[in-house]
Amino acid sequence: MPHLAVTGPSGRNQRVSLRTTDEERALLEKAALLETAGDLTRFIVSASVGAARQVISEHESATVTNEMRRAFYDLLCNPPAPTQALRDLMAEADPDGFRVIES
């Protein structure tokens, strides 16, 4: 017989446990009452998922201004002369599996 997982009406079957202070719990319960008719789980999941999406979005994308784009493009088209430190680094032996192609 196959194993069946019991899920709630929302289809959720994963549990997250957390500890709070009395003050934090009271704050969460008050906000849940105002936002989700007192459904603490729904409030915490909704707020947490929204915050998680925001954090991930901020770390997976970058906003580039026109000024930044122009400066980057200018460096690509007009690179600065190599420094002595870069010349010294390039003179070292190539790491295994890598080779430097000079143009």
Protein backbone atom coordinates (compact mmCIF):
# COMPACT_ATOMS: atom_id res chain seq x y z
CA MET A 1 0.00 0.00 0.00
CA PRO A 2 1.45 3.45 -0.91
CA HIS A 3 2.39 5.89 1.85
CA LEU A 4 0.04 8.86 1.94
CA ALA A 5 0.99 12.19 3.46
CA VAL A 6 -1.72 14.08 5.28
CA THR A 7 -1.78 17.75 4.39
CA GLY A 8 -3.89 20.63 5.48
CA PRO A 9 -6.43 22.36 3.23
CA SER A 10 -3.66 24.51 1.76
CA GLY A 11 -1.58 21.50 0.73
CA ARG A 12 1.16 22.37 3.21
CA ASN A 13 2.94 19.40 4.70
CA GLN A 14 6.22 20.88 5.97
CA ARG A 15 6.65 22.08 9.54
CA VAL A 16 8.80 24.97 10.76
CA SER A 17 9.31 25.44 14.47
CA LEU A 18 10.44 28.65 16.13
CA ARG A 19 10.80 30.15 19.57
CA THR A 20 9.79 33.67 20.52
CA THR A 21 9.69 35.86 23.58
CA ASP A 22 6.31 36.54 25.17
CA GLU A 23 6.39 40.04 23.68
CA GLU A 24 7.17 38.77 20.18
CA ARG A 25 4.39 36.18 20.39
CA ALA A 26 1.87 38.83 21.53
CA LEU A 27 2.96 41.12 18.69
CA LEU A 28 2.61 38.35 16.11
CA GLU A 29 -0.80 37.34 17.45
CA LYS A 30 -2.05 40.94 17.37
CA ALA A 31 -0.82 41.42 13.80
CA ALA A 32 -2.34 38.07 12.77
CA LEU A 33 -5.66 39.12 14.26
CA LEU A 34 -5.60 42.35 12.25
CA GLU A 35 -4.31 40.84 8.99
CA THR A 36 -5.57 37.25 8.80
CA ALA A 37 -8.50 37.07 11.21
CA GLY A 38 -6.23 35.57 13.85
CA ASP A 39 -4.66 32.81 11.72
CA LEU A 40 -1.14 32.99 13.17
CA THR A 41 0.29 30.36 10.84
CA ARG A 42 -1.04 32.07 7.74
CA PHE A 43 0.27 35.45 8.95
CA ILE A 44 3.76 34.16 9.76
CA VAL A 45 4.04 32.18 6.52
CA SER A 46 2.79 35.08 4.42
CA ALA A 47 5.14 37.60 6.04
CA SER A 48 8.11 35.22 5.97
CA VAL A 49 7.62 34.16 2.37
CA GLY A 50 7.27 37.79 1.30
CA ALA A 51 10.46 38.73 3.14
CA ALA A 52 12.29 35.69 1.72
CA ARG A 53 11.33 36.63 -1.83
CA GLN A 54 12.53 40.19 -1.27
CA VAL A 55 15.90 39.06 0.13
CA ILE A 56 16.45 36.62 -2.73
CA SER A 57 15.47 39.23 -5.31
CA GLU A 58 17.91 41.76 -3.83
CA HIS A 59 20.76 39.24 -3.94
CA GLU A 60 20.03 37.82 -7.39
CA SER A 61 19.77 41.08 -9.29
CA ALA A 62 21.57 44.36 -9.51
CA THR A 63 20.44 47.75 -10.70
CA VAL A 64 22.91 49.45 -12.99
CA THR A 65 22.58 53.17 -13.62
CA ASN A 66 23.46 54.76 -16.94
CA GLU A 67 26.54 56.27 -15.32
CA MET A 68 27.70 52.84 -14.10
CA ARG A 69 27.02 51.29 -17.50
CA ARG A 70 29.02 54.02 -19.26
CA ALA A 71 31.96 53.67 -16.85
CA PHE A 72 32.00 49.87 -17.32
CA TYR A 73 31.80 50.17 -21.10
CA ASP A 74 34.56 52.79 -21.09
CA LEU A 75 36.84 50.45 -19.11
CA LEU A 76 36.11 47.62 -21.55
CA CYS A 77 36.91 49.81 -24.55
CA ASN A 78 39.84 51.64 -22.93
CA PRO A 79 41.42 49.36 -20.33
CA PRO A 80 44.09 50.84 -18.10
CA ALA A 81 47.70 49.76 -18.60
CA PRO A 82 48.61 46.67 -16.59
CA THR A 83 50.19 47.37 -13.23
CA GLN A 84 53.44 45.78 -12.08
CA ALA A 85 51.45 43.51 -9.75
CA LEU A 86 49.40 42.22 -12.69
CA ARG A 87 52.52 41.66 -14.79
CA ASP A 88 54.10 39.73 -11.90
CA LEU A 89 50.99 37.61 -11.52
CA MET A 90 50.87 36.83 -15.23
CA ALA A 91 54.55 35.78 -15.11
CA GLU A 92 53.77 33.03 -12.58
CA ALA A 93 53.18 29.45 -13.72
CA ASP A 94 49.67 28.68 -14.91
CA PRO A 95 47.55 26.67 -12.49
CA ASP A 96 46.82 23.09 -13.57
CA GLY A 97 44.09 23.00 -16.18
CA PHE A 98 44.41 26.66 -17.09
CA ARG A 99 46.43 28.47 -19.68
CA VAL A 100 46.79 32.13 -20.42
CA ILE A 101 46.20 33.25 -23.98
CA GLU A 102 48.00 36.44 -24.76
CA SER A 103 46.63 38.63 -27.48
